[in-house]
Amino acid sequence: MGKQYKNQDYLIKVGKKIAEIRESKSITQEKLQELTGFDTRQIGRIERAETNPSISAIKLIADKLGVKMGEILDFEQL
């Protein structure tokens, strides 16, 4: 099996955007854990760009934060 592709700069931007949206809605990592079913450690790893989340994971987070997935992937505002 080949090595998974990982673009660290992109992961940092995705993580920052998720944290920014979550915080702007006054949602804690613990509340996002309740909403998504992801472990709070996993949410922290996504926000700190320590893991490469799947598209499905990003979609679920976007849905639970009440935003379109495109908002998480829009880095022009960073």
C-alpha atoms as a PDB file:
ATOM      1  CA  MET A   1       0.000   0.000   0.000  1.00  0.00           C
ATOM      2  CA  GLY A   2       1.348   3.447  -0.943  1.00  0.00           C
ATOM      3  CA  LYS A   3       2.033   6.312   1.399  1.00  0.00           C
ATOM      4  CA  GLN A   4      -0.901   8.656   2.019  1.00  0.00           C
ATOM      5  CA  TYR A   5      -0.520  12.101   0.432  1.00  0.00           C
ATOM      6  CA  LYS A   6      -0.407  14.870   3.028  1.00  0.00           C
ATOM      7  CA  ASN A   7      -0.216  18.605   2.316  1.00  0.00           C
ATOM      8  CA  GLN A   8       0.646  20.102   5.708  1.00  0.00           C
ATOM      9  CA  ASP A   9      -0.049  23.720   4.695  1.00  0.00           C
ATOM     10  CA  TYR A  10      -3.530  22.747   3.528  1.00  0.00           C
ATOM     11  CA  LEU A  11      -4.208  20.778   6.726  1.00  0.00           C
ATOM     12  CA  ILE A  12      -3.149  23.772   8.829  1.00  0.00           C
ATOM     13  CA  LYS A  13      -5.574  26.015   6.942  1.00  0.00           C
ATOM     14  CA  VAL A  14      -8.446  23.517   7.280  1.00  0.00           C
ATOM     15  CA  GLY A  15      -7.777  23.094  11.002  1.00  0.00           C
ATOM     16  CA  LYS A  16      -7.590  26.835  11.624  1.00  0.00           C
ATOM     17  CA  LYS A  17     -10.801  27.398   9.701  1.00  0.00           C
ATOM     18  CA  ILE A  18     -12.669  24.711  11.653  1.00  0.00           C
ATOM     19  CA  ALA A  19     -11.452  26.157  14.965  1.00  0.00           C
ATOM     20  CA  GLU A  20     -12.333  29.692  13.850  1.00  0.00           C
ATOM     21  CA  ILE A  21     -15.885  28.720  12.846  1.00  0.00           C
ATOM     22  CA  ARG A  22     -16.372  26.595  15.970  1.00  0.00           C
ATOM     23  CA  GLU A  23     -15.206  29.399  18.262  1.00  0.00           C
ATOM     24  CA  SER A  24     -17.284  32.035  16.438  1.00  0.00           C
ATOM     25  CA  LYS A  25     -20.359  29.948  17.245  1.00  0.00           C
ATOM     26  CA  SER A  26     -19.269  29.481  20.890  1.00  0.00           C
ATOM     27  CA  ILE A  27     -19.040  25.724  20.390  1.00  0.00           C
ATOM     28  CA  THR A  28     -16.452  23.912  22.495  1.00  0.00           C
ATOM     29  CA  GLN A  29     -14.501  20.917  21.280  1.00  0.00           C
ATOM     30  CA  GLU A  30     -16.521  18.892  23.777  1.00  0.00           C
ATOM     31  CA  LYS A  31     -19.814  20.075  22.256  1.00  0.00           C
ATOM     32  CA  LEU A  32     -18.510  19.349  18.742  1.00  0.00           C
ATOM     33  CA  GLN A  33     -17.602  15.873  20.001  1.00  0.00           C
ATOM     34  CA  GLU A  34     -21.213  15.385  21.118  1.00  0.00           C
ATOM     35  CA  LEU A  35     -22.515  16.623  17.767  1.00  0.00           C
ATOM     36  CA  THR A  36     -20.170  14.575  15.550  1.00  0.00           C
ATOM     37  CA  GLY A  37     -19.364  11.516  17.633  1.00  0.00           C
ATOM     38  CA  PHE A  38     -15.650  12.167  17.108  1.00  0.00           C
ATOM     39  CA  ASP A  39     -13.374  11.975  20.129  1.00  0.00           C
ATOM     40  CA  THR A  40     -12.306  15.405  21.448  1.00  0.00           C
ATOM     41  CA  ARG A  41      -8.692  14.347  20.939  1.00  0.00           C
ATOM     42  CA  GLN A  42      -9.464  13.700  17.262  1.00  0.00           C
ATOM     43  CA  ILE A  43     -11.080  17.124  16.910  1.00  0.00           C
ATOM     44  CA  GLY A  44      -8.001  18.685  18.503  1.00  0.00           C
ATOM     45  CA  ARG A  45      -5.710  16.786  16.140  1.00  0.00           C
ATOM     46  CA  ILE A  46      -7.724  18.007  13.147  1.00  0.00           C
ATOM     47  CA  GLU A  47      -7.601  21.616  14.372  1.00  0.00           C
ATOM     48  CA  ARG A  48      -3.839  21.371  15.032  1.00  0.00           C
ATOM     49  CA  ALA A  49      -3.221  19.713  11.638  1.00  0.00           C
ATOM     50  CA  GLU A  50      -1.803  16.587  13.251  1.00  0.00           C
ATOM     51  CA  THR A  51      -4.040  14.302  11.199  1.00  0.00           C
ATOM     52  CA  ASN A  52      -5.369  14.165   7.661  1.00  0.00           C
ATOM     53  CA  PRO A  53      -9.186  14.116   7.987  1.00  0.00           C
ATOM     54  CA  SER A  54     -11.322  12.494   5.319  1.00  0.00           C
ATOM     55  CA  ILE A  55     -13.702  14.476   3.162  1.00  0.00           C
ATOM     56  CA  SER A  56     -16.534  12.721   4.994  1.00  0.00           C
ATOM     57  CA  ALA A  57     -15.179  13.927   8.353  1.00  0.00           C
ATOM     58  CA  ILE A  58     -14.901  17.520   7.109  1.00  0.00           C
ATOM     59  CA  LYS A  59     -18.447  17.309   5.705  1.00  0.00           C
ATOM     60  CA  LEU A  60     -19.830  16.043   9.022  1.00  0.00           C
ATOM     61  CA  ILE A  61     -18.041  18.795  10.958  1.00  0.00           C
ATOM     62  CA  ALA A  62     -19.361  21.423   8.518  1.00  0.00           C
ATOM     63  CA  ASP A  63     -22.904  20.096   8.852  1.00  0.00           C
ATOM     64  CA  LYS A  64     -22.752  20.100  12.646  1.00  0.00           C
ATOM     65  CA  LEU A  65     -21.288  23.620  12.686  1.00  0.00           C
ATOM     66  CA  GLY A  66     -24.121  24.754  10.424  1.00  0.00           C
ATOM     67  CA  VAL A  67     -21.928  25.829   7.505  1.00  0.00           C
ATOM     68  CA  LYS A  68     -21.354  24.622   3.974  1.00  0.00           C
ATOM     69  CA  MET A  69     -18.267  22.520   3.449  1.00  0.00           C
ATOM     70  CA  GLY A  70     -16.991  25.211   1.076  1.00  0.00           C
ATOM     71  CA  GLU A  71     -16.749  27.652   3.962  1.00  0.00           C
ATOM     72  CA  ILE A  72     -14.233  25.384   5.692  1.00  0.00           C
ATOM     73  CA  LEU A  73     -12.269  25.078   2.470  1.00  0.00           C
ATOM     74  CA  ASP A  74     -12.286  28.822   1.707  1.00  0.00           C
ATOM     75  CA  PHE A  75      -8.849  30.063   2.734  1.00  0.00           C
ATOM     76  CA  GLU A  76      -8.949  33.515   1.156  1.00  0.00           C
ATOM     77  CA  GLN A  77     -10.148  34.892   4.477  1.00  0.00           C
ATOM     78  CA  LEU A  78      -7.102  33.565   6.370  1.00  0.00           C
END
